[in-house]
Amino acid sequence: MEKAIGFALLTISPLKEKEVYNKLHEISEVTEVYPLFGEYDILLKIEAGDIDSIGDIVIHKIRVIQGVTDTKTLISTRSLTG
């Protein structure tokens, strides 16, 4: 069974970037984490069993991290690959 894949763009409180970055690595469903310059501070990739699980991870595991002030979640589609 293929996993659902999502990406989240995070806005982080000033001076909390490193702390949030480290906490994100503790979430097993977060498979990639990239610091950014620009409108958002961190881009991450989330892999889960289904789309609803991605939403739950963002709400219950990512948004609760102290320093995360905003998230924008994008869900990937496989419709172009087959």
PDB file of N, CA and C in Angstrom:
ATOM      1  N   MET A   1       0.838  -1.191   0.000  1.00  0.00           N
ATOM      2  CA  MET A   1       0.000   0.000   0.000  1.00  0.00           C
ATOM      3  C   MET A   1       0.878   1.249   0.000  1.00  0.00           C
ATOM      4  N   GLU A   2       0.564   2.182  -0.892  1.00  0.00           N
ATOM      5  CA  GLU A   2       1.341   3.411  -0.968  1.00  0.00           C
ATOM      6  C   GLU A   2       0.955   4.357   0.158  1.00  0.00           C
ATOM      7  N   LYS A   3       1.944   5.075   0.613  1.00  0.00           N
ATOM      8  CA  LYS A   3       1.700   6.060   1.660  1.00  0.00           C
ATOM      9  C   LYS A   3       1.200   7.359   1.048  1.00  0.00           C
ATOM     10  N   ALA A   4       0.431   8.092   1.830  1.00  0.00           N
ATOM     11  CA  ALA A   4       0.053   9.449   1.453  1.00  0.00           C
ATOM     12  C   ALA A   4       1.241  10.348   1.766  1.00  0.00           C
ATOM     13  N   ILE A   5       1.466  11.315   0.900  1.00  0.00           N
ATOM     14  CA  ILE A   5       2.583  12.237   1.078  1.00  0.00           C
ATOM     15  C   ILE A   5       2.049  13.653   1.137  1.00  0.00           C
ATOM     16  N   GLY A   6       2.538  14.396   2.114  1.00  0.00           N
ATOM     17  CA  GLY A   6       2.179  15.800   2.240  1.00  0.00           C
ATOM     18  C   GLY A   6       3.421  16.628   2.507  1.00  0.00           C
ATOM     19  N   PHE A   7       3.298  17.903   2.245  1.00  0.00           N
ATOM     20  CA  PHE A   7       4.368  18.851   2.531  1.00  0.00           C
ATOM     21  C   PHE A   7       3.774  19.953   3.381  1.00  0.00           C
ATOM     22  N   ALA A   8       4.540  20.474   4.297  1.00  0.00           N
ATOM     23  CA  ALA A   8       4.065  21.580   5.124  1.00  0.00           C
ATOM     24  C   ALA A   8       5.096  22.697   5.118  1.00  0.00           C
ATOM     25  N   LEU A   9       4.594  23.886   4.963  1.00  0.00           N
ATOM     26  CA  LEU A   9       5.407  25.092   5.072  1.00  0.00           C
ATOM     27  C   LEU A   9       5.119  25.694   6.433  1.00  0.00           C
ATOM     28  N   LEU A  10       6.167  25.947   7.200  1.00  0.00           N
ATOM     29  CA  LEU A  10       5.998  26.433   8.574  1.00  0.00           C
ATOM     30  C   LEU A  10       6.554  27.838   8.736  1.00  0.00           C
ATOM     31  N   THR A  11       5.850  28.626   9.509  1.00  0.00           N
ATOM     32  CA  THR A  11       6.357  29.911   9.967  1.00  0.00           C
ATOM     33  C   THR A  11       6.720  29.739  11.438  1.00  0.00           C
ATOM     34  N   ILE A  12       7.922  30.178  11.782  1.00  0.00           N
ATOM     35  CA  ILE A  12       8.470  29.960  13.117  1.00  0.00           C
ATOM     36  C   ILE A  12       8.745  31.301  13.794  1.00  0.00           C
ATOM     37  N   SER A  13       8.513  31.357  15.096  1.00  0.00           N
ATOM     38  CA  SER A  13       8.846  32.554  15.871  1.00  0.00           C
ATOM     39  C   SER A  13      10.336  32.845  15.750  1.00  0.00           C
ATOM     40  N   PRO A  14      10.703  34.129  15.721  1.00  0.00           N
ATOM     41  CA  PRO A  14      12.129  34.470  15.658  1.00  0.00           C
ATOM     42  C   PRO A  14      12.920  33.800  16.787  1.00  0.00           C
ATOM     43  N   LEU A  15      14.082  33.307  16.441  1.00  0.00           N
ATOM     44  CA  LEU A  15      15.044  32.663  17.338  1.00  0.00           C
ATOM     45  C   LEU A  15      14.614  31.274  17.810  1.00  0.00           C
ATOM     46  N   LYS A  16      13.528  30.732  17.273  1.00  0.00           N
ATOM     47  CA  LYS A  16      13.054  29.391  17.644  1.00  0.00           C
ATOM     48  C   LYS A  16      13.300  28.369  16.525  1.00  0.00           C
ATOM     49  N   GLU A  17      13.904  28.807  15.412  1.00  0.00           N
ATOM     50  CA  GLU A  17      14.055  27.944  14.249  1.00  0.00           C
ATOM     51  C   GLU A  17      14.816  26.655  14.556  1.00  0.00           C
ATOM     52  N   LYS A  18      15.929  26.756  15.218  1.00  0.00           N
ATOM     53  CA  LYS A  18      16.743  25.574  15.487  1.00  0.00           C
ATOM     54  C   LYS A  18      16.014  24.602  16.421  1.00  0.00           C
ATOM     55  N   GLU A  19      15.349  25.127  17.436  1.00  0.00           N
ATOM     56  CA  GLU A  19      14.602  24.299  18.383  1.00  0.00           C
ATOM     57  C   GLU A  19      13.480  23.539  17.665  1.00  0.00           C
ATOM     58  N   VAL A  20      12.723  24.244  16.819  1.00  0.00           N
ATOM     59  CA  VAL A  20      11.641  23.605  16.075  1.00  0.00           C
ATOM     60  C   VAL A  20      12.208  22.579  15.101  1.00  0.00           C
ATOM     61  N   TYR A  21      13.267  22.941  14.398  1.00  0.00           N
ATOM     62  CA  TYR A  21      13.931  22.034  13.453  1.00  0.00           C
ATOM     63  C   TYR A  21      14.292  20.717  14.144  1.00  0.00           C
ATOM     64  N   ASN A  22      14.879  20.802  15.316  1.00  0.00           N
ATOM     65  CA  ASN A  22      15.272  19.598  16.052  1.00  0.00           C
ATOM     66  C   ASN A  22      14.055  18.783  16.497  1.00  0.00           C
ATOM     67  N   LYS A  23      12.988  19.448  16.947  1.00  0.00           N
ATOM     68  CA  LYS A  23      11.772  18.744  17.372  1.00  0.00           C
ATOM     69  C   LYS A  23      11.106  18.020  16.200  1.00  0.00           C
ATOM     70  N   LEU A  24      11.144  18.617  15.024  1.00  0.00           N
ATOM     71  CA  LEU A  24      10.529  17.989  13.851  1.00  0.00           C
ATOM     72  C   LEU A  24      11.193  16.659  13.515  1.00  0.00           C
ATOM     73  N   HIS A  25      12.481  16.565  13.760  1.00  0.00           N
ATOM     74  CA  HIS A  25      13.210  15.312  13.487  1.00  0.00           C
ATOM     75  C   HIS A  25      12.790  14.189  14.431  1.00  0.00           C
ATOM     76  N   GLU A  26      12.104  14.510  15.517  1.00  0.00           N
ATOM     77  CA  GLU A  26      11.631  13.499  16.462  1.00  0.00           C
ATOM     78  C   GLU A  26      10.288  12.885  16.042  1.00  0.00           C
ATOM     79  N   ILE A  27       9.646  13.443  15.034  1.00  0.00           N
ATOM     80  CA  ILE A  27       8.350  12.946  14.560  1.00  0.00           C
ATOM     81  C   ILE A  27       8.616  11.933  13.457  1.00  0.00           C
ATOM     82  N   SER A  28       8.258  10.676  13.684  1.00  0.00           N
ATOM     83  CA  SER A  28       8.621   9.604  12.752  1.00  0.00           C
ATOM     84  C   SER A  28       8.031   9.795  11.356  1.00  0.00           C
ATOM     85  N   GLU A  29       6.862  10.398  11.246  1.00  0.00           N
ATOM     86  CA  GLU A  29       6.226  10.595   9.944  1.00  0.00           C
ATOM     87  C   GLU A  29       6.850  11.731   9.132  1.00  0.00           C
ATOM     88  N   VAL A  30       7.629  12.574   9.784  1.00  0.00           N
ATOM     89  CA  VAL A  30       8.333  13.652   9.085  1.00  0.00           C
ATOM     90  C   VAL A  30       9.622  13.053   8.539  1.00  0.00           C
ATOM     91  N   THR A  31       9.687  12.946   7.212  1.00  0.00           N
ATOM     92  CA  THR A  31      10.821  12.247   6.590  1.00  0.00           C
ATOM     93  C   THR A  31      11.901  13.173   6.059  1.00  0.00           C
ATOM     94  N   GLU A  32      11.560  14.449   5.848  1.00  0.00           N
ATOM     95  CA  GLU A  32      12.547  15.417   5.376  1.00  0.00           C
ATOM     96  C   GLU A  32      12.221  16.786   5.964  1.00  0.00           C
ATOM     97  N   VAL A  33      13.262  17.530   6.334  1.00  0.00           N
ATOM     98  CA  VAL A  33      13.091  18.862   6.909  1.00  0.00           C
ATOM     99  C   VAL A  33      14.128  19.792   6.284  1.00  0.00           C
ATOM    100  N   TYR A  34      13.665  20.917   5.740  1.00  0.00           N
ATOM    101  CA  TYR A  34      14.557  21.868   5.085  1.00  0.00           C
ATOM    102  C   TYR A  34      14.340  23.270   5.631  1.00  0.00           C
ATOM    103  N   PRO A  35      15.396  23.937   6.106  1.00  0.00           N
ATOM    104  CA  PRO A  35      15.268  25.342   6.483  1.00  0.00           C
ATOM    105  C   PRO A  35      15.150  26.184   5.203  1.00  0.00           C
ATOM    106  N   LEU A  36      14.388  27.268   5.274  1.00  0.00           N
ATOM    107  CA  LEU A  36      14.160  28.131   4.123  1.00  0.00           C
ATOM    108  C   LEU A  36      14.466  29.580   4.454  1.00  0.00           C
ATOM    109  N   PHE A  37      14.687  30.363   3.421  1.00  0.00           N
ATOM    110  CA  PHE A  37      14.734  31.816   3.532  1.00  0.00           C
ATOM    111  C   PHE A  37      13.555  32.346   2.726  1.00  0.00           C
ATOM    112  N   GLY A  38      12.840  33.281   3.267  1.00  0.00           N
ATOM    113  CA  GLY A  38      11.711  33.830   2.537  1.00  0.00           C
ATOM    114  C   GLY A  38      10.469  33.879   3.396  1.00  0.00           C
ATOM    115  N   GLU A  39       9.306  33.730   2.761  1.00  0.00           N
ATOM    116  CA  GLU A  39       8.036  33.846   3.460  1.00  0.00           C
ATOM    117  C   GLU A  39       7.872  32.793   4.541  1.00  0.00           C
ATOM    118  N   TYR A  40       8.376  31.582   4.302  1.00  0.00           N
ATOM    119  CA  TYR A  40       8.293  30.486   5.263  1.00  0.00           C
ATOM    120  C   TYR A  40       9.684  30.144   5.780  1.00  0.00           C
ATOM    121  N   ASP A  41       9.733  29.526   6.946  1.00  0.00           N
ATOM    122  CA  ASP A  41      11.007  29.228   7.592  1.00  0.00           C
ATOM    123  C   ASP A  41      11.449  27.784   7.428  1.00  0.00           C
ATOM    124  N   ILE A  42      10.503  26.857   7.322  1.00  0.00           N
ATOM    125  CA  ILE A  42      10.831  25.434   7.215  1.00  0.00           C
ATOM    126  C   ILE A  42       9.856  24.768   6.248  1.00  0.00           C
ATOM    127  N   LEU A  43      10.401  23.873   5.414  1.00  0.00           N
ATOM    128  CA  LEU A  43       9.604  23.004   4.553  1.00  0.00           C
ATOM    129  C   LEU A  43       9.829  21.583   5.026  1.00  0.00           C
ATOM    130  N   LEU A  44       8.763  20.823   5.173  1.00  0.00           N
ATOM    131  CA  LEU A  44       8.948  19.429   5.573  1.00  0.00           C
ATOM    132  C   LEU A  44       8.061  18.501   4.767  1.00  0.00           C
ATOM    133  N   LYS A  45       8.518  17.262   4.674  1.00  0.00           N
ATOM    134  CA  LYS A  45       7.781  16.208   3.983  1.00  0.00           C
ATOM    135  C   LYS A  45       7.233  15.257   5.034  1.00  0.00           C
ATOM    136  N   ILE A  46       5.955  14.894   4.864  1.00  0.00           N
ATOM    137  CA  ILE A  46       5.275  14.003   5.797  1.00  0.00           C
ATOM    138  C   ILE A  46       4.782  12.791   5.022  1.00  0.00           C
ATOM    139  N   GLU A  47       5.043  11.597   5.554  1.00  0.00           N
ATOM    140  CA  GLU A  47       4.530  10.370   4.957  1.00  0.00           C
ATOM    141  C   GLU A  47       3.645   9.669   5.985  1.00  0.00           C
ATOM    142  N   ALA A  48       2.428   9.315   5.564  1.00  0.00           N
ATOM    143  CA  ALA A  48       1.476   8.676   6.478  1.00  0.00           C
ATOM    144  C   ALA A  48       0.606   7.706   5.683  1.00  0.00           C
ATOM    145  N   GLY A  49      -0.240   6.977   6.403  1.00  0.00           N
ATOM    146  CA  GLY A  49      -1.094   5.976   5.783  1.00  0.00           C
ATOM    147  C   GLY A  49      -2.162   6.538   4.872  1.00  0.00           C
ATOM    148  N   ASP A  50      -2.660   7.740   5.182  1.00  0.00           N
ATOM    149  CA  ASP A  50      -3.709   8.346   4.358  1.00  0.00           C
ATOM    150  C   ASP A  50      -3.717   9.860   4.588  1.00  0.00           C
ATOM    151  N   ILE A  51      -4.519  10.542   3.805  1.00  0.00           N
ATOM    152  CA  ILE A  51      -4.572  12.004   3.875  1.00  0.00           C
ATOM    153  C   ILE A  51      -5.044  12.487   5.243  1.00  0.00           C
ATOM    154  N   ASP A  52      -6.033  11.813   5.824  1.00  0.00           N
ATOM    155  CA  ASP A  52      -6.516  12.220   7.146  1.00  0.00           C
ATOM    156  C   ASP A  52      -5.407  12.150   8.189  1.00  0.00           C
ATOM    157  N   SER A  53      -4.556  11.145   8.078  1.00  0.00           N
ATOM    158  CA  SER A  53      -3.446  11.009   9.028  1.00  0.00           C
ATOM    159  C   SER A  53      -2.465  12.166   8.898  1.00  0.00           C
ATOM    160  N   ILE A  54      -2.255  12.635   7.674  1.00  0.00           N
ATOM    161  CA  ILE A  54      -1.373  13.794   7.491  1.00  0.00           C
ATOM    162  C   ILE A  54      -1.950  14.995   8.232  1.00  0.00           C
ATOM    163  N   GLY A  55      -3.243  15.216   8.108  1.00  0.00           N
ATOM    164  CA  GLY A  55      -3.883  16.315   8.840  1.00  0.00           C
ATOM    165  C   GLY A  55      -3.729  16.177  10.334  1.00  0.00           C
ATOM    166  N   ASP A  56      -3.917  14.965  10.838  1.00  0.00           N
ATOM    167  CA  ASP A  56      -3.763  14.725  12.276  1.00  0.00           C
ATOM    168  C   ASP A  56      -2.336  15.013  12.741  1.00  0.00           C
ATOM    169  N   ILE A  57      -1.354  14.617  11.943  1.00  0.00           N
ATOM    170  CA  ILE A  57       0.053  14.844  12.296  1.00  0.00           C
ATOM    171  C   ILE A  57       0.334  16.340  12.371  1.00  0.00           C
ATOM    172  N   VAL A  58      -0.155  17.085  11.386  1.00  0.00           N
ATOM    173  CA  VAL A  58       0.073  18.532  11.384  1.00  0.00           C
ATOM    174  C   VAL A  58      -0.590  19.172  12.605  1.00  0.00           C
ATOM    175  N   ILE A  59      -1.820  18.795  12.875  1.00  0.00           N
ATOM    176  CA  ILE A  59      -2.556  19.422  13.983  1.00  0.00           C
ATOM    177  C   ILE A  59      -2.028  19.001  15.348  1.00  0.00           C
ATOM    178  N   HIS A  60      -1.795  17.710  15.532  1.00  0.00           N
ATOM    179  CA  HIS A  60      -1.491  17.195  16.872  1.00  0.00           C
ATOM    180  C   HIS A  60      -0.005  17.009  17.182  1.00  0.00           C
ATOM    181  N   LYS A  61       0.851  17.024  16.162  1.00  0.00           N
ATOM    182  CA  LYS A  61       2.280  16.828  16.422  1.00  0.00           C
ATOM    183  C   LYS A  61       3.147  18.013  16.004  1.00  0.00           C
ATOM    184  N   ILE A  62       2.715  18.767  14.998  1.00  0.00           N
ATOM    185  CA  ILE A  62       3.550  19.863  14.491  1.00  0.00           C
ATOM    186  C   ILE A  62       3.103  21.211  15.032  1.00  0.00           C
ATOM    187  N   ARG A  63       1.824  21.516  14.925  1.00  0.00           N
ATOM    188  CA  ARG A  63       1.326  22.824  15.405  1.00  0.00           C
ATOM    189  C   ARG A  63       1.501  23.014  16.907  1.00  0.00           C
ATOM    190  N   VAL A  64       1.629  21.931  17.647  1.00  0.00           N
ATOM    191  CA  VAL A  64       1.781  22.050  19.101  1.00  0.00           C
ATOM    192  C   VAL A  64       3.218  22.353  19.525  1.00  0.00           C
ATOM    193  N   ILE A  65       4.159  22.290  18.602  1.00  0.00           N
ATOM    194  CA  ILE A  65       5.554  22.598  18.935  1.00  0.00           C
ATOM    195  C   ILE A  65       5.664  24.089  19.229  1.00  0.00           C
ATOM    196  N   GLN A  66       6.228  24.402  20.381  1.00  0.00           N
ATOM    197  CA  GLN A  66       6.408  25.806  20.754  1.00  0.00           C
ATOM    198  C   GLN A  66       7.316  26.489  19.735  1.00  0.00           C
ATOM    199  N   GLY A  67       6.846  27.590  19.185  1.00  0.00           N
ATOM    200  CA  GLY A  67       7.609  28.320  18.180  1.00  0.00           C
ATOM    201  C   GLY A  67       6.975  28.237  16.800  1.00  0.00           C
ATOM    202  N   VAL A  68       6.131  27.234  16.553  1.00  0.00           N
ATOM    203  CA  VAL A  68       5.419  27.148  15.279  1.00  0.00           C
ATOM    204  C   VAL A  68       4.231  28.104  15.353  1.00  0.00           C
ATOM    205  N   THR A  69       4.222  29.113  14.496  1.00  0.00           N
ATOM    206  CA  THR A  69       3.160  30.112  14.544  1.00  0.00           C
ATOM    207  C   THR A  69       2.141  29.955  13.423  1.00  0.00           C
ATOM    208  N   ASP A  70       2.512  29.273  12.329  1.00  0.00           N
ATOM    209  CA  ASP A  70       1.591  29.098  11.215  1.00  0.00           C
ATOM    210  C   ASP A  70       2.047  27.916  10.369  1.00  0.00           C
ATOM    211  N   THR A  71       1.082  27.223   9.762  1.00  0.00           N
ATOM    212  CA  THR A  71       1.406  26.119   8.858  1.00  0.00           C
ATOM    213  C   THR A  71       0.558  26.233   7.600  1.00  0.00           C
ATOM    214  N   LYS A  72       1.107  25.757   6.512  1.00  0.00           N
ATOM    215  CA  LYS A  72       0.374  25.615   5.258  1.00  0.00           C
ATOM    216  C   LYS A  72       0.676  24.209   4.763  1.00  0.00           C
ATOM    217  N   THR A  73      -0.352  23.374   4.643  1.00  0.00           N
ATOM    218  CA  THR A  73      -0.167  21.974   4.294  1.00  0.00           C
ATOM    219  C   THR A  73      -0.594  21.729   2.861  1.00  0.00           C
ATOM    220  N   LEU A  74       0.237  20.988   2.133  1.00  0.00           N
ATOM    221  CA  LEU A  74      -0.015  20.641   0.741  1.00  0.00           C
ATOM    222  C   LEU A  74      -0.022  19.119   0.650  1.00  0.00           C
ATOM    223  N   ILE A  75      -1.015  18.564  -0.022  1.00  0.00           N
ATOM    224  CA  ILE A  75      -1.112  17.121  -0.170  1.00  0.00           C
ATOM    225  C   ILE A  75      -0.684  16.753  -1.580  1.00  0.00           C
ATOM    226  N   SER A  76       0.171  15.744  -1.695  1.00  0.00           N
ATOM    227  CA  SER A  76       0.677  15.311  -2.986  1.00  0.00           C
ATOM    228  C   SER A  76      -0.314  14.369  -3.659  1.00  0.00           C
ATOM    229  N   THR A  77      -0.321  14.397  -4.979  1.00  0.00           N
ATOM    230  CA  THR A  77      -1.158  13.483  -5.754  1.00  0.00           C
ATOM    231  C   THR A  77      -0.282  12.616  -6.650  1.00  0.00           C
ATOM    232  N   ARG A  78      -0.713  11.418  -6.900  1.00  0.00           N
ATOM    233  CA  ARG A  78       0.010  10.529  -7.798  1.00  0.00           C
ATOM    234  C   ARG A  78      -0.662  10.461  -9.168  1.00  0.00           C
ATOM    235  N   SER A  79      -1.670  11.293  -9.408  1.00  0.00           N
ATOM    236  CA  SER A  79      -2.448  11.194 -10.635  1.00  0.00           C
ATOM    237  C   SER A  79      -1.626  11.470 -11.899  1.00  0.00           C
ATOM    238  N   LEU A  80      -0.520  12.195 -11.788  1.00  0.00           N
ATOM    239  CA  LEU A  80       0.311  12.485 -12.944  1.00  0.00           C
ATOM    240  C   LEU A  80       1.308  11.381 -13.248  1.00  0.00           C
ATOM    241  N   THR A  81       1.489  10.452 -12.322  1.00  0.00           N
ATOM    242  CA  THR A  81       2.502   9.418 -12.499  1.00  0.00           C
ATOM    243  C   THR A  81       1.934   8.096 -12.983  1.00  0.00           C
ATOM    244  N   GLY A  82       0.669   7.957 -13.131  1.00  0.00           N
ATOM    245  CA  GLY A  82       0.176   6.677 -13.593  1.00  0.00           C
ATOM    246  C   GLY A  82      -1.249   6.517 -13.647  1.00  0.00           C
TER     247      GLY A  82
END
